[in-house]
Protein backbone atom coordinates (compact mmCIF):
# COMPACT_ATOMS: atom_id res chain seq x y z
CA MET A 1 -7.29 -0.52 6.67
CA SER A 2 -7.79 -3.81 4.64
CA PHE A 3 -6.27 -4.45 1.27
CA ARG A 4 -10.03 -4.52 -0.13
CA ARG A 5 -10.77 -1.16 1.33
CA LYS A 6 -7.46 0.29 0.03
CA LEU A 7 -8.30 -1.01 -3.53
CA GLN A 8 -11.75 0.52 -3.54
CA THR A 9 -10.30 4.01 -2.17
CA LEU A 10 -7.64 3.89 -4.89
CA LEU A 11 -9.97 3.04 -7.67
CA ILE A 12 -12.56 5.76 -6.66
CA LEU A 13 -9.64 8.37 -6.17
CA LEU A 14 -8.44 7.40 -9.50
CA VAL A 15 -11.94 7.90 -11.22
CA GLY A 16 -12.35 11.26 -9.12
CA VAL A 17 -8.97 12.63 -10.17
CA SER A 18 -9.62 11.61 -13.80
CA CYS A 19 -13.00 13.18 -13.95
CA GLY A 20 -11.91 16.52 -12.01
CA LEU A 21 -9.10 16.83 -14.56
CA LEU A 22 -11.47 16.21 -17.57
CA VAL A 23 -13.93 18.82 -16.02
CA PHE A 24 -11.03 21.19 -15.60
CA LEU A 25 -9.62 20.85 -19.00
CA SER A 26 -13.17 20.95 -20.78
CA LEU A 27 -14.39 24.08 -18.75
CA ARG A 28 -10.91 25.72 -19.63
CA LYS A 29 -11.44 24.97 -23.19
CA ALA A 30 -15.02 26.03 -23.21
CA ASN A 31 -14.03 29.36 -21.62
CA ARG A 32 -11.37 29.87 -24.22
CA LEU A 33 -13.59 29.16 -27.07
CA ALA A 34 -16.46 31.20 -25.75
CA PHE A 35 -14.16 34.24 -25.33
CA GLU A 36 -12.64 33.85 -28.90
CA LEU A 37 -16.26 33.78 -30.32
CA ILE A 38 -17.24 36.93 -28.33
CA GLN A 39 -14.11 38.59 -29.70
CA GLU A 40 -14.76 37.60 -33.39
CA LYS A 41 -18.49 38.83 -33.03
CA VAL A 42 -17.77 42.14 -31.44
CA LEU A 43 -14.87 42.85 -33.78
CA THR A 44 -16.69 41.98 -36.74
CA LEU A 45 -19.53 44.01 -35.74
CA VAL A 46 -17.62 47.30 -35.41
CA VAL A 47 -15.39 46.64 -38.40
CA GLY A 48 -18.68 46.03 -40.64
CA THR A 49 -20.45 48.89 -39.15
CA ALA A 50 -17.96 51.64 -39.17
CA PRO A 51 -17.92 52.15 -43.02
CA ARG A 52 -21.82 52.75 -43.00
CA ILE A 53 -21.36 55.79 -40.76
CA ASP A 54 -20.89 59.26 -42.52
CA GLY A 55 -17.60 60.45 -41.19
CA ASP A 56 -18.14 64.10 -42.39
CA LYS A 57 -21.25 64.38 -40.51
CA VAL A 58 -19.80 62.90 -37.28
CA ALA A 59 -17.12 65.56 -37.68
CA GLN A 60 -19.78 68.32 -37.78
CA LEU A 61 -20.94 67.38 -34.11
CA VAL A 62 -18.59 69.40 -32.04
CA ASP A 63 -20.76 71.31 -29.47
CA PRO A 64 -22.93 69.59 -26.74
CA SER A 65 -25.90 71.66 -28.05
CA GLN A 66 -25.99 69.61 -30.93
CA ASP A 67 -27.12 66.67 -28.98
CA GLY A 68 -30.65 65.68 -30.33
CA SER A 69 -30.25 67.88 -33.41
CA PRO A 70 -31.30 66.37 -36.82
CA LEU A 71 -27.72 65.93 -37.68
CA TYR A 72 -27.14 63.85 -34.30
CA GLU A 73 -30.22 61.75 -35.07
CA GLU A 74 -29.27 60.93 -38.50
CA VAL A 75 -26.07 59.51 -37.21
CA ALA A 76 -27.65 57.92 -34.29
CA ALA A 77 -30.33 56.21 -36.47
CA THR A 78 -27.63 54.16 -38.06
CA LEU A 79 -26.20 52.97 -34.75
CA ARG A 80 -29.69 52.07 -33.38
CA GLU A 81 -30.62 50.09 -36.42
CA VAL A 82 -27.22 48.03 -36.04
CA LEU A 83 -27.97 47.69 -32.35
CA ALA A 84 -31.48 46.55 -32.80
CA ALA A 85 -30.32 43.77 -35.13
CA ASN A 86 -27.60 42.44 -32.74
CA GLY A 87 -29.22 43.18 -29.33
CA THR A 88 -30.80 39.79 -28.84
CA GLY A 89 -29.42 36.11 -28.97
CA ALA A 90 -26.77 34.44 -26.90
CA LEU A 91 -24.27 37.27 -27.46
CA PRO A 92 -26.37 40.56 -27.29
CA VAL A 93 -24.62 43.74 -27.97
CA ARG A 94 -25.71 46.30 -25.24
CA PHE A 95 -24.02 49.51 -26.21
CA LEU A 96 -22.85 50.92 -29.62
CA TYR A 97 -21.34 54.52 -29.50
CA LEU A 98 -19.00 57.00 -31.16
CA MET A 99 -16.16 58.72 -29.40
CA ARG A 100 -13.15 60.69 -30.08
CA PRO A 101 -9.98 61.72 -28.06
CA LEU A 102 -9.79 65.17 -26.54
CA PRO A 103 -6.76 67.40 -27.24
CA GLY A 104 -5.82 67.56 -23.42
CA GLY A 105 -6.12 63.83 -23.03
CA GLY A 106 -9.03 61.53 -22.46
CA TRP A 107 -12.02 60.76 -24.56
CA GLU A 108 -15.48 62.14 -25.09
CA TYR A 109 -18.63 60.53 -26.37
CA VAL A 110 -19.88 61.94 -29.83
CA VAL A 111 -22.97 59.84 -30.48
CA ASP A 112 -24.60 57.11 -28.43
CA GLY A 113 -27.15 54.53 -30.13
CA GLU A 114 -28.76 53.82 -26.72
CA ALA A 115 -32.58 54.88 -26.89
CA ASP A 116 -33.00 54.72 -23.11
CA PRO A 117 -32.24 58.19 -21.87
CA GLY A 118 -31.34 56.86 -18.42
CA HIS A 119 -28.40 54.91 -19.77
CA LYS A 120 -27.50 57.25 -22.76
CA SER A 121 -24.31 59.14 -22.83
CA ARG A 122 -24.61 62.63 -24.17
CA LEU A 123 -22.47 64.55 -26.61
CA GLY A 124 -19.30 65.87 -24.94
CA ASP A 125 -19.63 63.41 -21.89
CA ARG A 126 -16.27 62.10 -20.79
CA VAL A 127 -15.52 58.31 -21.35
CA GLU A 128 -14.50 56.63 -18.14
CA PHE A 129 -12.14 53.72 -18.40
CA THR A 130 -11.22 51.25 -15.42
CA HIS A 131 -7.91 50.77 -16.65
CA SER A 132 -5.63 52.58 -19.18
CA ASN A 133 -5.40 49.49 -21.48
CA GLU A 134 -9.08 49.77 -22.14
CA GLU A 135 -8.39 52.79 -24.14
CA PRO A 136 -8.44 52.37 -27.89
CA GLN A 137 -5.74 53.39 -30.19
CA PHE A 138 -7.03 56.20 -32.37
CA GLY A 139 -7.40 55.00 -36.14
CA ILE A 140 -6.59 51.32 -35.36
CA ALA A 141 -9.49 48.60 -34.98
CA ARG A 142 -8.91 46.30 -32.02
CA VAL A 143 -10.86 44.14 -29.39
CA ASP A 144 -10.03 43.83 -25.77
CA ALA A 145 -7.92 40.87 -24.92
CA GLN A 146 -9.82 40.16 -21.59
CA TYR A 147 -13.21 40.92 -19.90
CA ALA A 148 -13.91 44.28 -18.37
CA LYS A 149 -16.07 44.35 -15.15
CA ASP A 150 -17.95 47.47 -13.79
CA SER A 151 -21.11 47.92 -11.77
CA PHE A 152 -23.19 47.09 -15.00
CA GLY A 153 -21.90 43.74 -15.46
CA THR A 154 -19.16 41.89 -17.47
CA TRP A 155 -18.23 43.32 -20.92
CA LEU A 156 -15.90 42.90 -23.87
CA SER A 157 -15.42 45.79 -25.99
CA ALA A 158 -14.04 46.48 -29.66
CA PHE A 159 -13.33 49.55 -31.70
CA ALA A 160 -13.04 50.52 -35.18
CA PRO A 161 -12.13 53.77 -36.95
CA VAL A 162 -14.72 56.04 -38.62
CA LYS A 163 -13.35 58.03 -41.56
CA ASN A 164 -14.49 61.08 -43.53
CA ALA A 165 -14.44 61.40 -47.42
CA ALA A 166 -10.84 62.31 -47.20
CA GLY A 167 -9.99 58.97 -45.51
CA GLU A 168 -9.05 60.72 -42.20
CA THR A 169 -10.21 59.09 -38.98
CA VAL A 170 -12.70 61.42 -37.13
CA ALA A 171 -13.98 59.11 -34.52
CA MET A 172 -13.87 55.47 -33.06
CA LEU A 173 -16.93 53.29 -33.21
CA GLY A 174 -17.26 51.32 -29.97
CA ALA A 175 -19.39 48.37 -29.06
CA ASP A 176 -19.86 46.69 -25.73
CA ILE A 177 -21.01 43.09 -25.68
CA ALA A 178 -22.58 41.60 -22.54
CA ALA A 179 -20.89 38.37 -21.44
CA GLN A 180 -23.19 37.67 -18.37
CA ARG A 181 -25.30 35.18 -20.59
CA ILE A 182 -22.04 33.34 -21.55
CA GLU A 183 -20.96 33.16 -17.95
CA THR A 184 -24.44 31.89 -16.90
CA LEU A 185 -24.15 29.08 -19.74
CA LEU A 186 -20.70 28.23 -18.56
CA ARG A 187 -21.97 28.01 -15.14
CA ARG A 188 -24.71 25.68 -16.06
CA LEU A 189 -21.98 23.69 -17.97
CA LEU A 190 -19.95 23.52 -14.87
CA ILE A 191 -22.86 22.21 -12.81
CA GLY A 192 -23.76 19.72 -15.48
CA ASP A 193 -20.14 18.45 -15.40
CA LEU A 194 -20.04 18.25 -11.48
CA ALA A 195 -23.41 16.32 -11.66
CA ALA A 196 -21.87 13.97 -14.36
CA MET A 197 -18.64 13.72 -12.13
CA LEU A 198 -20.79 12.66 -9.03
CA LEU A 199 -22.74 10.06 -11.03
CA ALA A 200 -19.45 8.75 -12.27
CA LEU A 201 -17.97 8.52 -8.92
CA ALA A 202 -21.24 6.73 -7.62
CA LEU A 203 -20.68 4.28 -10.60
CA ALA A 204 -17.02 3.98 -10.03
CA ALA A 205 -17.78 3.26 -6.05
CA ALA A 206 -20.10 0.21 -7.19
CA LEU A 207 -17.64 -0.91 -9.77
CA ALA A 208 -14.76 -0.66 -7.35
CA ALA A 209 -16.62 -2.68 -4.67
CA TRP A 210 -17.39 -5.27 -7.26
CA LEU A 211 -13.83 -5.31 -8.71
CA SER A 212 -12.20 -5.23 -5.20
CA ALA A 213 -14.35 -8.13 -4.10
CA LYS A 214 -13.49 -10.06 -7.11
CA VAL A 215 -9.89 -9.43 -6.88
CA THR A 216 -9.56 -10.03 -3.08
CA ARG A 217 -11.81 -13.03 -3.01
CA PRO A 218 -8.72 -15.50 -3.58
CA LEU A 219 -6.73 -13.38 -1.23
CA THR A 220 -9.32 -13.98 1.45
CA ALA A 221 -9.58 -17.61 0.65
CA LEU A 222 -5.76 -17.93 0.92
CA GLN A 223 -5.99 -16.17 4.38
CA GLU A 224 -8.66 -18.22 5.70
CA PHE A 225 -6.78 -21.24 4.65
CA VAL A 226 -3.42 -20.11 6.33
CA ARG A 227 -5.42 -19.50 9.54
CA GLY A 228 -6.79 -23.04 9.30
CA ILE A 229 -3.10 -24.34 9.05
CA GLY A 230 -2.31 -22.17 12.15
CA ARG A 231 -5.18 -23.91 14.04
CA GLY A 232 -3.76 -27.28 13.15
CA ASP A 233 -5.95 -28.20 10.08
CA LEU A 234 -3.38 -29.73 7.84
CA SER A 235 -5.50 -32.29 5.93
CA SER A 236 -7.59 -29.72 3.86
CA ARG A 237 -6.18 -28.37 0.56
CA LEU A 238 -7.02 -25.09 -1.12
CA GLN A 239 -9.05 -25.16 -4.18
CA LEU A 240 -8.09 -22.28 -6.26
CA HIS A 241 -7.88 -22.94 -10.02
CA ARG A 242 -6.19 -19.89 -11.42
CA LYS A 243 -3.51 -19.30 -14.08
CA ASP A 244 -1.91 -16.24 -12.10
CA GLU A 245 0.03 -15.28 -9.21
CA PHE A 246 -2.88 -16.37 -6.87
CA GLY A 247 -2.80 -19.74 -8.46
CA GLU A 248 0.80 -20.16 -8.13
CA LEU A 249 0.66 -18.88 -4.46
CA ALA A 250 -2.11 -21.51 -3.81
CA ASP A 251 -0.15 -24.40 -5.16
CA ALA A 252 2.87 -23.35 -2.94
CA ILE A 253 0.65 -23.26 0.16
CA ASN A 254 -0.83 -26.61 -0.59
CA GLN A 255 2.70 -28.04 -1.01
CA MET A 256 3.62 -26.33 2.34
CA ALA A 257 0.42 -27.91 4.01
CA GLU A 258 1.18 -31.26 2.68
CA GLY A 259 4.81 -31.11 4.08
CA LEU A 260 3.47 -30.07 7.43
CA GLU A 261 0.96 -32.75 7.37
CA GLU A 262 3.63 -35.36 6.60
CA ARG A 263 5.96 -33.87 9.51
CA GLU A 264 3.04 -33.97 11.82
CA SER A 265 2.52 -37.56 10.93
CA LEU A 266 6.25 -38.50 11.49
CA LYS A 267 6.14 -36.66 14.87
CA GLY A 268 3.19 -38.77 15.74
CA ALA A 269 4.87 -41.89 14.77
CA LEU A 270 7.65 -40.90 17.22
CA VAL A 271 5.16 -41.42 20.17
CA HIS A 272 5.25 -45.17 19.43
CA TYR A 273 8.85 -45.46 20.11
CA VAL A 274 9.46 -47.06 23.41
CA ARG A 275 11.29 -44.98 25.97
CA SER A 276 13.99 -47.42 26.33
CA GLN A 277 14.13 -49.27 29.67
CA ALA A 278 12.08 -46.57 31.51
CA ALA A 279 9.03 -47.40 29.38
CA ASP A 280 9.44 -51.22 30.17
CA SER A 281 9.54 -50.32 33.72
CA LYS A 282 6.42 -48.21 33.38
CA LEU A 283 4.50 -50.98 31.65
CA GLY A 284 5.43 -53.44 34.37
CA ALA A 285 4.66 -51.26 37.33
CA ALA A 286 2.19 -52.62 39.85
CA ALA A 287 -1.12 -50.94 40.42
CA ASP A 288 -0.13 -50.13 43.99
CA GLU A 289 2.84 -47.78 43.17
CA SER A 290 3.05 -45.26 45.89
CA GLU A 291 6.60 -44.51 46.98
CA GLU A 292 8.36 -41.55 45.10
CA ILE A 293 12.11 -40.84 45.34
CA PRO A 294 14.23 -38.06 43.69
CA ARG A 295 16.49 -39.15 41.04
CA ARG A 296 19.15 -37.27 39.00
CA VAL A 297 18.54 -37.20 35.29
CA THR A 298 20.23 -35.42 32.19
CA VAL A 299 18.18 -34.10 29.44
CA LEU A 300 19.27 -33.49 25.92
CA VAL A 301 17.39 -31.07 23.65
CA ALA A 302 18.43 -31.03 20.07
CA GLU A 303 16.80 -28.89 17.33
CA LEU A 304 17.23 -29.17 13.67
CA CYS A 305 17.71 -25.52 12.17
CA GLY A 306 17.63 -24.66 8.60
CA PHE A 307 15.72 -27.81 7.24
CA GLY A 308 12.51 -25.74 6.51
CA GLN A 309 13.90 -24.18 3.40
CA LEU A 310 13.96 -27.67 1.70
CA SER A 311 10.12 -27.86 1.63
CA SER A 312 9.96 -25.42 -1.27
CA ARG A 313 12.88 -27.02 -3.20
CA LEU A 314 12.32 -30.82 -2.97
CA GLY A 315 8.52 -31.16 -2.38
CA GLY A 316 6.58 -32.83 0.54
CA GLU A 317 7.39 -36.71 -0.48
CA ARG A 318 11.23 -35.95 -0.59
CA VAL A 319 11.14 -33.93 2.53
CA PHE A 320 9.28 -36.57 4.44
CA ALA A 321 11.64 -39.17 3.36
CA LEU A 322 14.73 -37.23 4.57
CA LEU A 323 12.94 -36.50 7.88
CA ASN A 324 12.32 -40.06 8.43
CA GLU A 325 16.00 -40.99 7.88
CA TYR A 326 17.01 -38.22 10.02
CA PHE A 327 14.81 -39.01 13.07
CA SER A 328 15.55 -42.71 12.63
CA THR A 329 19.24 -42.07 12.83
CA MET A 330 18.93 -39.66 15.88
CA ILE A 331 16.61 -41.97 17.78
CA ASP A 332 18.94 -44.83 17.17
CA ILE A 333 21.92 -42.74 18.56
CA VAL A 334 19.94 -41.88 21.60
CA LEU A 335 18.86 -45.47 22.34
CA ARG A 336 22.47 -46.70 21.77
CA HIS A 337 23.60 -44.30 24.42
CA GLN A 338 21.29 -45.66 26.95
CA GLY A 339 18.73 -42.66 26.52
CA SER A 340 15.06 -42.65 26.44
CA LEU A 341 12.87 -40.44 24.02
CA GLU A 342 10.46 -37.59 25.33
CA LYS A 343 7.66 -36.40 23.14
CA SER A 344 8.32 -33.09 21.36
CA SER A 345 6.03 -30.33 20.18
CA ASP A 346 8.13 -29.46 17.25
CA GLU A 347 10.97 -30.92 15.25
CA SER A 348 13.47 -31.29 18.08
CA VAL A 349 14.67 -34.36 19.72
CA ILE A 350 14.38 -34.65 23.39
CA ALA A 351 16.20 -37.50 25.15
CA VAL A 352 16.42 -38.35 28.91
CA PHE A 353 19.55 -40.10 30.46
CA GLY A 354 19.42 -41.80 33.84
CA ALA A 355 15.63 -42.29 33.87
CA ALA A 356 15.42 -46.08 34.14
CA ARG A 357 17.94 -46.44 37.05
CA GLU A 358 20.71 -44.65 38.79
CA ASP A 359 23.43 -43.88 36.15
CA PRO A 360 26.69 -42.22 37.25
CA HIS A 361 27.70 -42.01 33.53
CA GLN A 362 24.59 -40.34 32.22
CA GLU A 363 26.41 -36.79 31.65
CA ARG A 364 29.02 -38.48 29.68
CA LEU A 365 26.66 -40.60 27.69
CA ALA A 366 24.55 -37.42 26.94
CA ILE A 367 27.39 -35.59 25.53
CA GLN A 368 28.78 -38.49 23.57
CA ALA A 369 25.28 -38.78 22.13
CA ALA A 370 25.13 -35.10 21.34
CA LEU A 371 28.61 -35.44 19.49
CA ALA A 372 27.66 -38.57 17.75
CA MET A 373 24.13 -36.80 16.51
CA GLN A 374 25.96 -33.72 15.15
CA ASN A 375 28.48 -36.21 13.22
CA ALA A 376 25.67 -38.26 11.98
CA LEU A 377 23.93 -35.06 10.60
CA ASP A 378 27.06 -34.12 8.74
CA ARG A 379 27.27 -37.52 7.10
CA LEU A 380 23.50 -37.38 6.12
CA LEU A 381 23.94 -34.16 4.66
CA LYS A 382 26.77 -35.32 2.38
CA GLU A 383 24.54 -38.32 1.31
CA TRP A 384 21.61 -36.26 0.55
CA GLN A 385 23.62 -33.77 -1.57
CA VAL A 386 20.99 -30.97 -1.51
CA GLU A 387 21.71 -27.27 -2.16
CA THR A 388 20.66 -24.90 0.46
CA ASN A 389 20.62 -21.12 0.84
CA LEU A 390 21.40 -21.31 4.48
CA PRO A 391 23.18 -23.97 6.39
CA ILE A 392 21.54 -27.00 8.19
CA PHE A 393 22.82 -27.72 11.62
CA LEU A 394 21.98 -29.02 15.05
CA GLU A 395 21.68 -26.83 18.22
CA ILE A 396 21.99 -28.98 21.27
CA GLY A 397 21.51 -27.94 25.04
CA ILE A 398 22.08 -30.36 27.87
CA HIS A 399 21.23 -29.96 31.49
CA THR A 400 21.26 -32.33 34.63
CA GLY A 401 18.57 -31.99 37.20
CA THR A 402 16.27 -33.97 39.65
CA ALA A 403 13.04 -35.54 38.71
CA ARG A 404 10.75 -37.92 40.67
CA VAL A 405 10.61 -41.80 40.31
CA ARG A 406 7.83 -44.04 41.46
CA ARG A 407 8.95 -47.31 42.86
CA GLY A 408 6.67 -50.30 42.59
CA GLY A 409 6.71 -53.99 42.39
CA GLY A 410 7.06 -53.93 38.55
CA GLY A 411 10.10 -51.63 38.84
CA ASP A 412 11.01 -48.00 38.77
CA SER A 413 8.89 -45.55 36.66
CA LEU A 414 10.00 -42.01 35.89
CA ASP A 415 7.25 -39.41 36.49
CA PHE A 416 7.70 -37.53 33.09
CA GLU A 417 5.79 -34.53 34.31
CA SER A 418 8.39 -33.84 36.83
CA VAL A 419 11.09 -34.04 34.29
CA ARG A 420 9.37 -31.04 32.41
CA GLY A 421 11.42 -28.53 34.47
CA VAL A 422 14.73 -30.24 33.45
CA ILE A 423 13.68 -30.17 29.78
CA ASP A 424 12.58 -26.41 29.97
CA LEU A 425 16.11 -25.47 31.49
CA ALA A 426 17.89 -27.56 28.72
CA SER A 427 15.70 -25.90 25.99
CA ARG A 428 16.66 -22.42 27.61
CA VAL A 429 20.36 -23.62 27.38
CA ARG A 430 20.00 -24.30 23.70
CA GLU A 431 18.38 -21.05 22.87
CA THR A 432 21.15 -19.28 24.76
CA GLY A 433 23.77 -21.30 22.67
CA ARG A 434 22.04 -20.10 19.55
CA ARG A 435 22.66 -16.34 20.54
CA LEU A 436 26.18 -17.24 21.17
CA LYS A 437 26.68 -19.37 17.97
CA ASN A 438 27.33 -22.58 19.86
CA ARG A 439 26.49 -25.94 18.62
CA LEU A 440 26.63 -27.86 21.78
CA THR A 441 26.06 -25.98 25.24
CA VAL A 442 25.86 -27.75 28.67
CA THR A 443 25.23 -26.39 32.00
CA GLU A 444 27.63 -26.54 35.12
CA ALA A 445 25.56 -29.26 36.64
CA THR A 446 26.23 -31.43 33.68
CA ALA A 447 29.96 -30.33 33.18
CA GLU A 448 31.18 -30.74 36.69
CA SER A 449 31.22 -34.57 36.68
CA VAL A 450 32.91 -34.83 33.37
CA ASN A 451 35.16 -31.95 33.30
CA HIS A 452 38.27 -34.15 33.02
CA THR A 453 36.75 -36.13 30.02
CA PHE A 454 35.73 -33.16 27.90
CA PRO A 455 37.33 -29.84 27.40
CA PHE A 456 34.78 -27.20 28.18
CA THR A 457 34.86 -23.19 27.71
CA ALA A 458 32.92 -21.09 29.93
CA VAL A 459 30.47 -18.76 28.05
CA ALA A 460 28.19 -15.85 29.28
CA ASP A 461 25.09 -14.06 27.73
CA ALA A 462 24.04 -10.87 29.08
CA ASP A 463 20.65 -11.33 27.57
CA THR A 464 19.61 -14.81 29.23
CA ALA A 465 17.76 -15.16 32.36
CA ILE A 466 19.72 -18.36 33.13
CA ASP A 467 21.56 -17.62 36.73
CA PHE A 468 24.10 -20.56 36.47
CA PRO A 469 27.31 -20.88 34.44
CA ILE A 470 27.11 -22.60 30.98
CA TYR A 471 29.81 -24.11 28.78
CA ARG A 472 30.70 -24.73 25.31
CA VAL A 473 32.10 -28.16 24.36
CA GLU A 474 35.32 -27.68 22.44
CA MET A 475 36.09 -31.11 21.69
CA PRO A 476 36.02 -32.41 17.97
CA ARG A 477 33.07 -34.55 17.10
CA PRO A 478 33.84 -38.30 17.37
CA VAL A 479 32.40 -40.82 14.93
CA ALA A 480 29.60 -42.80 16.51
């Protein structure tokens, strides 16, 4: 998943979680507030209605046959009046009734204010409670702490004592308030909140797409610019004028591109160096060159390690000057040891010894040149006096093999395509030396003719594909 897509997803998730949490908290608060309002209304209703009921008359209703009697209807009239006044609105009171406890346990209805005979409870009917905690405490006003649900709906009940003239509690006034309408209102509120949440998520998605595009635009520009550098386009520069981390990164990449361009220019300039005597012979070769003979040559491959860290420390101009001095010094050492230069695809120096003519001393000259190059690098580092996090050093591999030479009227000319195989082996020897922490590694073909001149130590690497012996040169580096 791209960084832009991750940023969009993160922003949408952030908005979604925030909206969900807000909806949850608001609905929870709304539920709690609605419940408290219902509790307050039903409790206020029974506490205010109970004193209006004549407790002495209620105490006289003791036999079921009195249901519908004038005394019963007189008490019921008061309940129906209160019920009619509070039976509408957002919080309607559905039932209002009187009940009292039985001697053997349980409760019975005394008077019911319900006018519908189908829903009316008669005098002496038993009161059924779903849970024991729904039963009131005789003589104490209270309201339920939670909703009660039955086949008729969701209810909240409150009770208040009805007293006679002597102040004794003779019955409990109960009121049941219907909470279905509140649940409906809360459900509508939930639907509205969810719709608002979906709208917020849609707006958040649009805002996240715009914001992520704005944030990742400089990152995309940096990515395309670096890809251009990878394709070899070192002349362009990134125009990103920002005063943030992206701007600092763009400046650093521009400096890197400038340094790479200068290095590439320097490597291109190396092509103009003449390949010593071999180049002179090739330039003077006759057009009728036809005869090819094999010739033994020695190839030296030297790679400068750890130099790249200076680009960010010194700047492109200073690094270019140091590289120019380095290559000039190394090339001069190669030419003084009768070697010729071969073009390199990176910052390494590739030299060929014995290319112009048969040279029985080419192995010795190659090793001497390698030791002189290492000694010269030590001298240059002391003169430069630059601080580095990692050491700067030369890794050198040397191999002796066979290449083809064209003989003509103008002299011998080395076929540099045929010497590529020797160069590749020398490069592999250098890479093997890196794994073994060697600075100068040679093959058996190079060491066998100079084993009395330089002390060698045989080395082995289990990971290498080289199937012939290689050696490390142990001799101290001489001054060139």
